[in-house]
Every structure is written in C-alpha cells, then in structure tokens.
Amino acid sequence: MDTIPIKQESDPEVSCNTCRACCCRLEVMIITDTGVPEEHIARDKWGGETMLRLDDGWCSAVDRETLMCTIYENRPWICREFEMGSYECRNEWQPRG
C-alpha cells in the first residue's frame, strides 16, 4: 500500500523570486485579523471577506512589476500558510520566462 507523505521537502527549483506569482491569482478568504488594509478586502453579501482581486484576476496587493506582495507583513493567514515549494505551491507554480 502506498503512503502519501504528510510534508514533502521543498523543491529547490521552486522560488518566489523566479515565479510568476500564480498563487496570487487564487481566491484567498480572510479568516483571521492580520491587519489587511481595507482597500484590499472584498466583502460578499453575507459579510464574508476575501482578498480583492482586480479585473485581471490578480490579488490587488500584488505589485504587477515586481510580482511581490505590497502588504507582506499584513498578508492573510492563508497566504502565510501557503509554503513555498509545498505540494500546493508546486501545483500552481509557473516559472518566469
């Protein structure tokens, strides 16, 4: 019987510095207060909060030139848990080029 490892080692070729920030196009729910600025929060009719995504589908907090988070110290909990090189990261990752 095959087992799935709980945590895989990070792929050394996967790096935020060489990525097209594909994770920053995913919907991110805000479930804890980390200090996300109001201008980056979208609210649905039931009061649920997500990171605001602009018309191009990217998170409003991503600098389009550097692909770096402009609110890194105040990013949502889900972004903090999205570990570079993890399975989820590698599933979304596309190198710049």
PDB file of N, CA and C in Angstrom:
ATOM      1  N   MET A   1       0.837  -1.177   0.000  1.00  0.00           N
ATOM      2  CA  MET A   1       0.000   0.000   0.000  1.00  0.00           C
ATOM      3  C   MET A   1       0.882   1.241   0.000  1.00  0.00           C
ATOM      4  N   ASP A   2       0.608   2.171  -0.921  1.00  0.00           N
ATOM      5  CA  ASP A   2       1.371   3.410  -0.994  1.00  0.00           C
ATOM      6  C   ASP A   2       0.920   4.376   0.094  1.00  0.00           C
ATOM      7  N   THR A   3       1.863   5.105   0.632  1.00  0.00           N
ATOM      8  CA  THR A   3       1.522   6.138   1.599  1.00  0.00           C
ATOM      9  C   THR A   3       1.891   7.491   1.022  1.00  0.00           C
ATOM     10  N   ILE A   4       1.160   8.494   1.409  1.00  0.00           N
ATOM     11  CA  ILE A   4       1.427   9.859   0.965  1.00  0.00           C
ATOM     12  C   ILE A   4       2.117  10.585   2.101  1.00  0.00           C
ATOM     13  N   PRO A   5       3.296  11.148   1.850  1.00  0.00           N
ATOM     14  CA  PRO A   5       3.978  11.862   2.928  1.00  0.00           C
ATOM     15  C   PRO A   5       3.179  13.072   3.374  1.00  0.00           C
ATOM     16  N   ILE A   6       3.205  13.342   4.662  1.00  0.00           N
ATOM     17  CA  ILE A   6       2.478  14.482   5.215  1.00  0.00           C
ATOM     18  C   ILE A   6       3.101  15.784   4.725  1.00  0.00           C
ATOM     19  N   LYS A   7       4.421  15.849   4.723  1.00  0.00           N
ATOM     20  CA  LYS A   7       5.098  17.056   4.281  1.00  0.00           C
ATOM     21  C   LYS A   7       6.249  16.655   3.373  1.00  0.00           C
ATOM     22  N   GLN A   8       6.261  17.227   2.193  1.00  0.00           N
ATOM     23  CA  GLN A   8       7.329  16.938   1.260  1.00  0.00           C
ATOM     24  C   GLN A   8       8.396  18.011   1.370  1.00  0.00           C
ATOM     25  N   GLU A   9       9.622  17.624   1.034  1.00  0.00           N
ATOM     26  CA  GLU A   9      10.707  18.598   1.028  1.00  0.00           C
ATOM     27  C   GLU A   9      10.447  19.631  -0.059  1.00  0.00           C
ATOM     28  N   SER A  10      10.868  20.853   0.167  1.00  0.00           N
ATOM     29  CA  SER A  10      10.715  21.907  -0.823  1.00  0.00           C
ATOM     30  C   SER A  10      11.559  21.598  -2.051  1.00  0.00           C
ATOM     31  N   ASP A  11      11.053  21.928  -3.193  1.00  0.00           N
ATOM     32  CA  ASP A  11      11.769  21.763  -4.445  1.00  0.00           C
ATOM     33  C   ASP A  11      12.717  22.945  -4.584  1.00  0.00           C
ATOM     34  N   PRO A  12      14.024  22.697  -4.664  1.00  0.00           N
ATOM     35  CA  PRO A  12      14.975  23.808  -4.715  1.00  0.00           C
ATOM     36  C   PRO A  12      14.823  24.677  -5.963  1.00  0.00           C
ATOM     37  N   GLU A  13      14.191  24.145  -7.021  1.00  0.00           N
ATOM     38  CA  GLU A  13      13.992  24.937  -8.230  1.00  0.00           C
ATOM     39  C   GLU A  13      12.805  25.881  -8.105  1.00  0.00           C
ATOM     40  N   VAL A  14      11.944  25.649  -7.124  1.00  0.00           N
ATOM     41  CA  VAL A  14      10.784  26.496  -6.924  1.00  0.00           C
ATOM     42  C   VAL A  14      11.175  27.629  -5.985  1.00  0.00           C
ATOM     43  N   SER A  15      11.007  28.832  -6.443  1.00  0.00           N
ATOM     44  CA  SER A  15      11.355  30.002  -5.646  1.00  0.00           C
ATOM     45  C   SER A  15      10.406  31.137  -5.984  1.00  0.00           C
ATOM     46  N   CYS A  16       9.987  31.876  -4.988  1.00  0.00           N
ATOM     47  CA  CYS A  16       9.137  33.043  -5.227  1.00  0.00           C
ATOM     48  C   CYS A  16       9.854  34.053  -6.127  1.00  0.00           C
ATOM     49  N   ASN A  17      11.189  34.070  -6.069  1.00  0.00           N
ATOM     50  CA  ASN A  17      11.967  35.014  -6.881  1.00  0.00           C
ATOM     51  C   ASN A  17      11.943  34.692  -8.362  1.00  0.00           C
ATOM     52  N   THR A  18      11.630  33.439  -8.718  1.00  0.00           N
ATOM     53  CA  THR A  18      11.620  33.035 -10.123  1.00  0.00           C
ATOM     54  C   THR A  18      10.224  32.632 -10.593  1.00  0.00           C
ATOM     55  N   CYS A  19       9.222  32.946  -9.816  1.00  0.00           N
ATOM     56  CA  CYS A  19       7.851  32.526 -10.105  1.00  0.00           C
ATOM     57  C   CYS A  19       7.032  33.678 -10.677  1.00  0.00           C
ATOM     58  N   ARG A  20       5.976  33.320 -11.389  1.00  0.00           N
ATOM     59  CA  ARG A  20       5.045  34.319 -11.902  1.00  0.00           C
ATOM     60  C   ARG A  20       3.899  34.576 -10.925  1.00  0.00           C
ATOM     61  N   ALA A  21       4.122  34.273  -9.646  1.00  0.00           N
ATOM     62  CA  ALA A  21       3.161  34.555  -8.566  1.00  0.00           C
ATOM     63  C   ALA A  21       1.775  33.994  -8.845  1.00  0.00           C
ATOM     64  N   CYS A  22       1.715  32.779  -9.365  1.00  0.00           N
ATOM     65  CA  CYS A  22       0.429  32.168  -9.706  1.00  0.00           C
ATOM     66  C   CYS A  22      -0.475  32.011  -8.489  1.00  0.00           C
ATOM     67  N   CYS A  23       0.114  31.821  -7.311  1.00  0.00           N
ATOM     68  CA  CYS A  23      -0.700  31.692  -6.103  1.00  0.00           C
ATOM     69  C   CYS A  23      -1.464  32.981  -5.826  1.00  0.00           C
ATOM     70  N   CYS A  24      -0.992  34.091  -6.356  1.00  0.00           N
ATOM     71  CA  CYS A  24      -1.639  35.385  -6.122  1.00  0.00           C
ATOM     72  C   CYS A  24      -2.843  35.591  -7.030  1.00  0.00           C
ATOM     73  N   ARG A  25      -3.212  34.551  -7.767  1.00  0.00           N
ATOM     74  CA  ARG A  25      -4.427  34.594  -8.573  1.00  0.00           C
ATOM     75  C   ARG A  25      -5.512  33.708  -7.969  1.00  0.00           C
ATOM     76  N   LEU A  26      -5.189  33.043  -6.870  1.00  0.00           N
ATOM     77  CA  LEU A  26      -6.163  32.185  -6.194  1.00  0.00           C
ATOM     78  C   LEU A  26      -7.062  33.022  -5.291  1.00  0.00           C
ATOM     79  N   GLU A  27      -8.287  32.542  -5.052  1.00  0.00           N
ATOM     80  CA  GLU A  27      -9.159  33.242  -4.116  1.00  0.00           C
ATOM     81  C   GLU A  27      -8.656  32.995  -2.702  1.00  0.00           C
ATOM     82  N   VAL A  28      -8.514  34.060  -1.936  1.00  0.00           N
ATOM     83  CA  VAL A  28      -7.990  33.968  -0.581  1.00  0.00           C
ATOM     84  C   VAL A  28      -9.029  34.509   0.399  1.00  0.00           C
ATOM     85  N   MET A  29      -9.550  33.610   1.233  1.00  0.00           N
ATOM     86  CA  MET A  29     -10.500  34.026   2.263  1.00  0.00           C
ATOM     87  C   MET A  29      -9.731  34.644   3.426  1.00  0.00           C
ATOM     88  N   ILE A  30     -10.303  35.680   3.985  1.00  0.00           N
ATOM     89  CA  ILE A  30      -9.716  36.303   5.169  1.00  0.00           C
ATOM     90  C   ILE A  30     -10.473  35.748   6.367  1.00  0.00           C
ATOM     91  N   ILE A  31      -9.801  34.894   7.144  1.00  0.00           N
ATOM     92  CA  ILE A  31     -10.473  34.207   8.250  1.00  0.00           C
ATOM     93  C   ILE A  31      -9.943  34.630   9.616  1.00  0.00           C
ATOM     94  N   THR A  32      -8.868  35.399   9.622  1.00  0.00           N
ATOM     95  CA  THR A  32      -8.340  35.949  10.871  1.00  0.00           C
ATOM     96  C   THR A  32      -7.918  37.384  10.609  1.00  0.00           C
ATOM     97  N   ASP A  33      -7.791  38.163  11.653  1.00  0.00           N
ATOM     98  CA  ASP A  33      -7.380  39.559  11.504  1.00  0.00           C
ATOM     99  C   ASP A  33      -5.862  39.654  11.547  1.00  0.00           C
ATOM    100  N   THR A  34      -5.278  39.904  10.375  1.00  0.00           N
ATOM    101  CA  THR A  34      -3.830  40.088  10.302  1.00  0.00           C
ATOM    102  C   THR A  34      -3.481  41.526   9.944  1.00  0.00           C
ATOM    103  N   GLY A  35      -4.513  42.359   9.829  1.00  0.00           N
ATOM    104  CA  GLY A  35      -4.281  43.764   9.514  1.00  0.00           C
ATOM    105  C   GLY A  35      -4.312  44.085   8.031  1.00  0.00           C
ATOM    106  N   VAL A  36      -4.987  43.244   7.235  1.00  0.00           N
ATOM    107  CA  VAL A  36      -5.104  43.535   5.805  1.00  0.00           C
ATOM    108  C   VAL A  36      -5.791  44.892   5.644  1.00  0.00           C
ATOM    109  N   PRO A  37      -5.184  45.818   4.901  1.00  0.00           N
ATOM    110  CA  PRO A  37      -5.812  47.131   4.700  1.00  0.00           C
ATOM    111  C   PRO A  37      -7.170  47.011   4.007  1.00  0.00           C
ATOM    112  N   GLU A  38      -8.100  47.839   4.409  1.00  0.00           N
ATOM    113  CA  GLU A  38      -9.478  47.810   3.891  1.00  0.00           C
ATOM    114  C   GLU A  38      -9.548  47.843   2.372  1.00  0.00           C
ATOM    115  N   GLU A  39      -8.655  48.599   1.727  1.00  0.00           N
ATOM    116  CA  GLU A  39      -8.726  48.737   0.269  1.00  0.00           C
ATOM    117  C   GLU A  39      -8.405  47.438  -0.475  1.00  0.00           C
ATOM    118  N   HIS A  40      -7.932  46.423   0.252  1.00  0.00           N
ATOM    119  CA  HIS A  40      -7.619  45.136  -0.360  1.00  0.00           C
ATOM    120  C   HIS A  40      -8.617  44.048   0.033  1.00  0.00           C
ATOM    121  N   ILE A  41      -9.729  44.431   0.667  1.00  0.00           N
ATOM    122  CA  ILE A  41     -10.724  43.459   1.123  1.00  0.00           C
ATOM    123  C   ILE A  41     -11.995  43.573   0.285  1.00  0.00           C
ATOM    124  N   ALA A  42     -12.480  42.416  -0.186  1.00  0.00           N
ATOM    125  CA  ALA A  42     -13.774  42.336  -0.870  1.00  0.00           C
ATOM    126  C   ALA A  42     -14.729  41.631   0.083  1.00  0.00           C
ATOM    127  N   ARG A  43     -15.957  42.139   0.168  1.00  0.00           N
ATOM    128  CA  ARG A  43     -16.966  41.529   1.037  1.00  0.00           C
ATOM    129  C   ARG A  43     -18.154  41.076   0.202  1.00  0.00           C
ATOM    130  N   ASP A  44     -18.646  39.858   0.497  1.00  0.00           N
ATOM    131  CA  ASP A  44     -19.823  39.393  -0.215  1.00  0.00           C
ATOM    132  C   ASP A  44     -21.080  39.834   0.540  1.00  0.00           C
ATOM    133  N   LYS A  45     -22.244  39.515  -0.001  1.00  0.00           N
ATOM    134  CA  LYS A  45     -23.493  39.983   0.599  1.00  0.00           C
ATOM    135  C   LYS A  45     -23.779  39.372   1.959  1.00  0.00           C
ATOM    136  N   TRP A  46     -23.042  38.318   2.326  1.00  0.00           N
ATOM    137  CA  TRP A  46     -23.214  37.679   3.636  1.00  0.00           C
ATOM    138  C   TRP A  46     -22.167  38.133   4.642  1.00  0.00           C
ATOM    139  N   GLY A  47     -21.260  39.018   4.217  1.00  0.00           N
ATOM    140  CA  GLY A  47     -20.227  39.526   5.109  1.00  0.00           C
ATOM    141  C   GLY A  47     -18.913  38.769   5.046  1.00  0.00           C
ATOM    142  N   GLY A  48     -18.839  37.745   4.179  1.00  0.00           N
ATOM    143  CA  GLY A  48     -17.581  37.019   4.014  1.00  0.00           C
ATOM    144  C   GLY A  48     -16.524  37.903   3.385  1.00  0.00           C
ATOM    145  N   GLU A  49     -15.306  37.758   3.829  1.00  0.00           N
ATOM    146  CA  GLU A  49     -14.214  38.594   3.334  1.00  0.00           C
ATOM    147  C   GLU A  49     -13.190  37.767   2.568  1.00  0.00           C
ATOM    148  N   THR A  50     -12.777  38.302   1.436  1.00  0.00           N
ATOM    149  CA  THR A  50     -11.707  37.719   0.640  1.00  0.00           C
ATOM    150  C   THR A  50     -10.766  38.838   0.219  1.00  0.00           C
ATOM    151  N   MET A  51      -9.594  38.449  -0.227  1.00  0.00           N
ATOM    152  CA  MET A  51      -8.694  39.446  -0.794  1.00  0.00           C
ATOM    153  C   MET A  51      -9.309  39.934  -2.101  1.00  0.00           C
ATOM    154  N   LEU A  52      -9.288  41.237  -2.295  1.00  0.00           N
ATOM    155  CA  LEU A  52      -9.822  41.839  -3.510  1.00  0.00           C
ATOM    156  C   LEU A  52      -8.966  41.431  -4.697  1.00  0.00           C
ATOM    157  N   ARG A  53      -9.633  40.984  -5.742  1.00  0.00           N
ATOM    158  CA  ARG A  53      -8.926  40.673  -6.985  1.00  0.00           C
ATOM    159  C   ARG A  53      -9.386  41.682  -8.030  1.00  0.00           C
ATOM    160  N   LEU A  54      -8.445  42.172  -8.788  1.00  0.00           N
ATOM    161  CA  LEU A  54      -8.749  43.167  -9.809  1.00  0.00           C
ATOM    162  C   LEU A  54      -9.241  42.489 -11.081  1.00  0.00           C
ATOM    163  N   ASP A  55      -9.614  43.270 -12.066  1.00  0.00           N
ATOM    164  CA  ASP A  55     -10.196  42.743 -13.297  1.00  0.00           C
ATOM    165  C   ASP A  55      -9.296  41.735 -14.000  1.00  0.00           C
ATOM    166  N   ASP A  56      -7.985  41.837 -13.776  1.00  0.00           N
ATOM    167  CA  ASP A  56      -7.055  40.897 -14.417  1.00  0.00           C
ATOM    168  C   ASP A  56      -6.955  39.572 -13.657  1.00  0.00           C
ATOM    169  N   GLY A  57      -7.686  39.451 -12.533  1.00  0.00           N
ATOM    170  CA  GLY A  57      -7.704  38.216 -11.757  1.00  0.00           C
ATOM    171  C   GLY A  57      -6.651  38.144 -10.665  1.00  0.00           C
ATOM    172  N   TRP A  58      -5.742  39.100 -10.612  1.00  0.00           N
ATOM    173  CA  TRP A  58      -4.667  39.105  -9.630  1.00  0.00           C
ATOM    174  C   TRP A  58      -5.101  39.795  -8.348  1.00  0.00           C
ATOM    175  N   CYS A  59      -4.535  39.363  -7.251  1.00  0.00           N
ATOM    176  CA  CYS A  59      -4.764  39.994  -5.959  1.00  0.00           C
ATOM    177  C   CYS A  59      -4.381  41.468  -6.055  1.00  0.00           C
ATOM    178  N   SER A  60      -5.187  42.320  -5.470  1.00  0.00           N
ATOM    179  CA  SER A  60      -4.929  43.761  -5.541  1.00  0.00           C
ATOM    180  C   SER A  60      -3.661  44.173  -4.798  1.00  0.00           C
ATOM    181  N   ALA A  61      -3.147  43.317  -3.931  1.00  0.00           N
ATOM    182  CA  ALA A  61      -1.956  43.657  -3.152  1.00  0.00           C
ATOM    183  C   ALA A  61      -0.652  43.298  -3.864  1.00  0.00           C
ATOM    184  N   VAL A  62      -0.735  42.700  -5.040  1.00  0.00           N
ATOM    185  CA  VAL A  62       0.480  42.307  -5.765  1.00  0.00           C
ATOM    186  C   VAL A  62       0.943  43.454  -6.653  1.00  0.00           C
ATOM    187  N   ASP A  63       2.216  43.822  -6.504  1.00  0.00           N
ATOM    188  CA  ASP A  63       2.828  44.810  -7.381  1.00  0.00           C
ATOM    189  C   ASP A  63       3.029  44.127  -8.732  1.00  0.00           C
ATOM    190  N   ARG A  64       2.408  44.642  -9.774  1.00  0.00           N
ATOM    191  CA  ARG A  64       2.425  43.989 -11.082  1.00  0.00           C
ATOM    192  C   ARG A  64       3.802  43.990 -11.739  1.00  0.00           C
ATOM    193  N   GLU A  65       4.674  44.886 -11.353  1.00  0.00           N
ATOM    194  CA  GLU A  65       6.019  44.923 -11.950  1.00  0.00           C
ATOM    195  C   GLU A  65       6.970  43.937 -11.275  1.00  0.00           C
ATOM    196  N   THR A  66       6.932  43.884  -9.948  1.00  0.00           N
ATOM    197  CA  THR A  66       7.860  43.013  -9.215  1.00  0.00           C
ATOM    198  C   THR A  66       7.245  41.670  -8.857  1.00  0.00           C
ATOM    199  N   LEU A  67       5.913  41.560  -8.932  1.00  0.00           N
ATOM    200  CA  LEU A  67       5.150  40.396  -8.503  1.00  0.00           C
ATOM    201  C   LEU A  67       5.373  40.087  -7.023  1.00  0.00           C
ATOM    202  N   MET A  68       5.657  41.117  -6.249  1.00  0.00           N
ATOM    203  CA  MET A  68       5.855  40.980  -4.809  1.00  0.00           C
ATOM    204  C   MET A  68       4.611  41.512  -4.096  1.00  0.00           C
ATOM    205  N   CYS A  69       4.342  40.969  -2.913  1.00  0.00           N
ATOM    206  CA  CYS A  69       3.207  41.394  -2.108  1.00  0.00           C
ATOM    207  C   CYS A  69       3.513  42.747  -1.470  1.00  0.00           C
ATOM    208  N   THR A  70       2.610  43.696  -1.651  1.00  0.00           N
ATOM    209  CA  THR A  70       2.812  45.029  -1.084  1.00  0.00           C
ATOM    210  C   THR A  70       2.363  45.126   0.369  1.00  0.00           C
ATOM    211  N   ILE A  71       1.697  44.082   0.876  1.00  0.00           N
ATOM    212  CA  ILE A  71       1.238  44.079   2.271  1.00  0.00           C
ATOM    213  C   ILE A  71       1.766  42.856   2.998  1.00  0.00           C
ATOM    214  N   TYR A  72       2.958  42.420   2.638  1.00  0.00           N
ATOM    215  CA  TYR A  72       3.519  41.164   3.129  1.00  0.00           C
ATOM    216  C   TYR A  72       3.402  41.003   4.643  1.00  0.00           C
ATOM    217  N   GLU A  73       3.712  42.032   5.402  1.00  0.00           N
ATOM    218  CA  GLU A  73       3.643  41.940   6.868  1.00  0.00           C
ATOM    219  C   GLU A  73       2.215  41.801   7.370  1.00  0.00           C
ATOM    220  N   ASN A  74       1.236  42.171   6.549  1.00  0.00           N
ATOM    221  CA  ASN A  74      -0.170  42.102   6.935  1.00  0.00           C
ATOM    222  C   ASN A  74      -0.964  41.138   6.062  1.00  0.00           C
ATOM    223  N   ARG A  75      -0.271  40.245   5.366  1.00  0.00           N
ATOM    224  CA  ARG A  75      -0.957  39.317   4.461  1.00  0.00           C
ATOM    225  C   ARG A  75      -1.868  38.376   5.260  1.00  0.00           C
ATOM    226  N   PRO A  76      -2.907  37.849   4.601  1.00  0.00           N
ATOM    227  CA  PRO A  76      -3.839  36.944   5.277  1.00  0.00           C
ATOM    228  C   PRO A  76      -3.162  35.665   5.769  1.00  0.00           C
ATOM    229  N   TRP A  77      -3.814  35.026   6.711  1.00  0.00           N
ATOM    230  CA  TRP A  77      -3.318  33.778   7.292  1.00  0.00           C
ATOM    231  C   TRP A  77      -3.088  32.725   6.222  1.00  0.00           C
ATOM    232  N   ILE A  78      -4.010  32.602   5.270  1.00  0.00           N
ATOM    233  CA  ILE A  78      -3.883  31.592   4.216  1.00  0.00           C
ATOM    234  C   ILE A  78      -2.610  31.823   3.404  1.00  0.00           C
ATOM    235  N   CYS A  79      -2.285  33.061   3.127  1.00  0.00           N
ATOM    236  CA  CYS A  79      -1.040  33.366   2.400  1.00  0.00           C
ATOM    237  C   CYS A  79       0.180  32.998   3.238  1.00  0.00           C
ATOM    238  N   ARG A  80       0.086  33.189   4.533  1.00  0.00           N
ATOM    239  CA  ARG A  80       1.197  32.836   5.426  1.00  0.00           C
ATOM    240  C   ARG A  80       1.420  31.326   5.453  1.00  0.00           C
ATOM    241  N   GLU A  81       0.343  30.554   5.323  1.00  0.00           N
ATOM    242  CA  GLU A  81       0.416  29.096   5.380  1.00  0.00           C
ATOM    243  C   GLU A  81       0.762  28.464   4.035  1.00  0.00           C
ATOM    244  N   PHE A  82       0.666  29.218   2.956  1.00  0.00           N
ATOM    245  CA  PHE A  82       0.963  28.706   1.621  1.00  0.00           C
ATOM    246  C   PHE A  82       2.474  28.673   1.477  1.00  0.00           C
ATOM    247  N   GLU A  83       3.054  27.528   1.765  1.00  0.00           N
ATOM    248  CA  GLU A  83       4.502  27.397   1.871  1.00  0.00           C
ATOM    249  C   GLU A  83       5.176  27.225   0.510  1.00  0.00           C
ATOM    250  N   MET A  84       6.212  28.025   0.271  1.00  0.00           N
ATOM    251  CA  MET A  84       6.979  27.921  -0.961  1.00  0.00           C
ATOM    252  C   MET A  84       7.523  26.496  -1.112  1.00  0.00           C
ATOM    253  N   GLY A  85       7.301  25.897  -2.277  1.00  0.00           N
ATOM    254  CA  GLY A  85       7.797  24.558  -2.560  1.00  0.00           C
ATOM    255  C   GLY A  85       6.892  23.436  -2.093  1.00  0.00           C
ATOM    256  N   SER A  86       5.799  23.769  -1.394  1.00  0.00           N
ATOM    257  CA  SER A  86       4.862  22.737  -0.938  1.00  0.00           C
ATOM    258  C   SER A  86       4.132  22.148  -2.146  1.00  0.00           C
ATOM    259  N   TYR A  87       3.385  21.079  -1.909  1.00  0.00           N
ATOM    260  CA  TYR A  87       2.602  20.469  -2.979  1.00  0.00           C
ATOM    261  C   TYR A  87       1.687  21.500  -3.634  1.00  0.00           C
ATOM    262  N   GLU A  88       0.988  22.282  -2.812  1.00  0.00           N
ATOM    263  CA  GLU A  88       0.060  23.277  -3.331  1.00  0.00           C
ATOM    264  C   GLU A  88       0.790  24.318  -4.179  1.00  0.00           C
ATOM    265  N   CYS A  89       1.941  24.742  -3.704  1.00  0.00           N
ATOM    266  CA  CYS A  89       2.764  25.715  -4.429  1.00  0.00           C
ATOM    267  C   CYS A  89       3.187  25.142  -5.772  1.00  0.00           C
ATOM    268  N   ARG A  90       3.756  23.939  -5.755  1.00  0.00           N
ATOM    269  CA  ARG A  90       4.236  23.330  -6.989  1.00  0.00           C
ATOM    270  C   ARG A  90       3.101  23.071  -7.963  1.00  0.00           C
ATOM    271  N   ASN A  91       1.907  22.845  -7.441  1.00  0.00           N
ATOM    272  CA  ASN A  91       0.742  22.616  -8.295  1.00  0.00           C
ATOM    273  C   ASN A  91       0.362  23.890  -9.061  1.00  0.00           C
ATOM    274  N   GLU A  92       0.612  25.066  -8.482  1.00  0.00           N
ATOM    275  CA  GLU A  92       0.291  26.347  -9.092  1.00  0.00           C
ATOM    276  C   GLU A  92       1.477  26.984  -9.801  1.00  0.00           C
ATOM    277  N   TRP A  93       2.685  26.603  -9.402  1.00  0.00           N
ATOM    278  CA  TRP A  93       3.920  27.271  -9.821  1.00  0.00           C
ATOM    279  C   TRP A  93       4.165  27.238 -11.309  1.00  0.00           C
ATOM    280  N   GLN A  94       4.521  28.396 -11.849  1.00  0.00           N
ATOM    281  CA  GLN A  94       4.969  28.509 -13.241  1.00  0.00           C
ATOM    282  C   GLN A  94       6.161  29.455 -13.226  1.00  0.00           C
ATOM    283  N   PRO A  95       7.302  28.983 -13.720  1.00  0.00           N
ATOM    284  CA  PRO A  95       8.487  29.849 -13.717  1.00  0.00           C
ATOM    285  C   PRO A  95       8.319  31.046 -14.632  1.00  0.00           C
ATOM    286  N   ARG A  96       8.986  32.130 -14.276  1.00  0.00           N
ATOM    287  CA  ARG A  96       9.004  33.306 -15.146  1.00  0.00           C
ATOM    288  C   ARG A  96       9.773  32.951 -16.391  1.00  0.00           C
ATOM    289  N   GLY A  97       9.412  33.569 -17.443  1.00  0.00           N
ATOM    290  CA  GLY A  97      10.181  33.281 -18.660  1.00  0.00           C
ATOM    291  C   GLY A  97       9.557  33.831 -19.873  1.00  0.00           C
TER     292      GLY A  97
END
